[in-house]
């Protein structure tokens, strides 16, 4: 299983996350986008999403060992 950090949730980033999750390609362990910081990932995409809060910068990512 692949663990990823998604950086950016513009149109391309949203589509990439949705495809990744819908295809069961792995696990998203963190999402970074200053425009959506503090929101839940599930509020920003249409696919079922893990309970992640979007960080505003890479320095806010808490668990680098999960990647």
C-alpha atoms as a PDB file:
ATOM      1  CA  UNK A   1       0.000   0.000   0.000  1.00  0.00           C
ATOM      2  CA  UNK A   2       1.236   3.473  -0.896  1.00  0.00           C
ATOM      3  CA  UNK A   3       0.965   6.367   1.559  1.00  0.00           C
ATOM      4  CA  UNK A   4       0.929   9.873   0.112  1.00  0.00           C
ATOM      5  CA  UNK A   5       0.886  13.528   1.069  1.00  0.00           C
ATOM      6  CA  UNK A   6      -1.217  15.519  -1.390  1.00  0.00           C
ATOM      7  CA  UNK A   7       0.042  19.053  -1.926  1.00  0.00           C
ATOM      8  CA  UNK A   8      -2.562  21.284  -3.540  1.00  0.00           C
ATOM      9  CA  UNK A   9      -6.317  20.945  -3.933  1.00  0.00           C
ATOM     10  CA  UNK A  10      -6.936  22.900  -7.075  1.00  0.00           C
ATOM     11  CA  UNK A  11      -8.945  21.177  -9.819  1.00  0.00           C
ATOM     12  CA  UNK A  12      -6.078  18.818 -10.698  1.00  0.00           C
ATOM     13  CA  UNK A  13      -5.281  18.019  -7.061  1.00  0.00           C
ATOM     14  CA  UNK A  14      -8.928  17.268  -6.265  1.00  0.00           C
ATOM     15  CA  UNK A  15      -9.194  14.942  -9.266  1.00  0.00           C
ATOM     16  CA  UNK A  16      -5.941  13.194  -8.343  1.00  0.00           C
ATOM     17  CA  UNK A  17      -7.141  12.581  -4.770  1.00  0.00           C
ATOM     18  CA  UNK A  18     -10.538  11.334  -5.942  1.00  0.00           C
ATOM     19  CA  UNK A  19      -8.969   8.931  -8.451  1.00  0.00           C
ATOM     20  CA  UNK A  20      -6.440   7.706  -5.900  1.00  0.00           C
ATOM     21  CA  UNK A  21      -9.173   6.952  -3.358  1.00  0.00           C
ATOM     22  CA  UNK A  22     -11.730   5.546  -5.799  1.00  0.00           C
ATOM     23  CA  UNK A  23      -9.177   3.124  -7.247  1.00  0.00           C
ATOM     24  CA  UNK A  24      -8.006   2.012  -3.798  1.00  0.00           C
ATOM     25  CA  UNK A  25      -4.402   2.789  -4.677  1.00  0.00           C
ATOM     26  CA  UNK A  26      -3.307   3.490  -1.115  1.00  0.00           C
ATOM     27  CA  UNK A  27      -3.797   5.830   1.791  1.00  0.00           C
ATOM     28  CA  UNK A  28      -3.681   9.618   1.990  1.00  0.00           C
ATOM     29  CA  UNK A  29      -1.931  10.506   5.235  1.00  0.00           C
ATOM     30  CA  UNK A  30      -1.848  14.309   4.872  1.00  0.00           C
ATOM     31  CA  UNK A  31      -3.139  17.060   2.610  1.00  0.00           C
ATOM     32  CA  UNK A  32      -1.551  20.507   2.302  1.00  0.00           C
ATOM     33  CA  UNK A  33      -3.206  23.553   0.738  1.00  0.00           C
ATOM     34  CA  UNK A  34      -3.146  27.032   2.285  1.00  0.00           C
ATOM     35  CA  UNK A  35      -6.435  27.974   0.599  1.00  0.00           C
ATOM     36  CA  UNK A  36      -8.268  25.117   2.366  1.00  0.00           C
ATOM     37  CA  UNK A  37      -6.308  24.948   5.633  1.00  0.00           C
ATOM     38  CA  UNK A  38      -8.398  23.852   8.603  1.00  0.00           C
ATOM     39  CA  UNK A  39     -11.142  22.248   6.511  1.00  0.00           C
ATOM     40  CA  UNK A  40     -11.787  18.519   6.377  1.00  0.00           C
ATOM     41  CA  UNK A  41     -10.724  16.757   3.194  1.00  0.00           C
ATOM     42  CA  UNK A  42     -14.255  15.365   2.888  1.00  0.00           C
ATOM     43  CA  UNK A  43     -15.555  18.946   2.469  1.00  0.00           C
ATOM     44  CA  UNK A  44     -13.362  19.492  -0.602  1.00  0.00           C
ATOM     45  CA  UNK A  45     -13.805  16.321  -2.663  1.00  0.00           C
ATOM     46  CA  UNK A  46     -16.770  14.241  -3.802  1.00  0.00           C
ATOM     47  CA  UNK A  47     -15.262  10.791  -3.107  1.00  0.00           C
ATOM     48  CA  UNK A  48     -15.448   9.195   0.349  1.00  0.00           C
ATOM     49  CA  UNK A  49     -12.407  10.543   2.197  1.00  0.00           C
ATOM     50  CA  UNK A  50     -10.458   9.740   5.339  1.00  0.00           C
ATOM     51  CA  UNK A  51     -10.971  12.054   8.316  1.00  0.00           C
ATOM     52  CA  UNK A  52      -8.105  14.428   7.590  1.00  0.00           C
ATOM     53  CA  UNK A  53      -7.833  18.131   8.308  1.00  0.00           C
ATOM     54  CA  UNK A  54      -6.017  20.027   5.572  1.00  0.00           C
ATOM     55  CA  UNK A  55      -2.769  21.680   6.650  1.00  0.00           C
ATOM     56  CA  UNK A  56      -1.714  25.116   5.480  1.00  0.00           C
ATOM     57  CA  UNK A  57       1.962  24.224   4.937  1.00  0.00           C
ATOM     58  CA  UNK A  58       4.287  21.245   4.876  1.00  0.00           C
ATOM     59  CA  UNK A  59       5.724  22.328   8.232  1.00  0.00           C
ATOM     60  CA  UNK A  60       2.307  21.597   9.793  1.00  0.00           C
ATOM     61  CA  UNK A  61       2.312  17.923   8.746  1.00  0.00           C
ATOM     62  CA  UNK A  62       2.385  16.014  12.025  1.00  0.00           C
ATOM     63  CA  UNK A  63       3.349  12.426  11.219  1.00  0.00           C
ATOM     64  CA  UNK A  64       6.088  12.124   8.599  1.00  0.00           C
ATOM     65  CA  UNK A  65       6.787   8.549   9.740  1.00  0.00           C
ATOM     66  CA  UNK A  66       3.438   7.464   8.211  1.00  0.00           C
ATOM     67  CA  UNK A  67       4.625   8.372   4.726  1.00  0.00           C
END
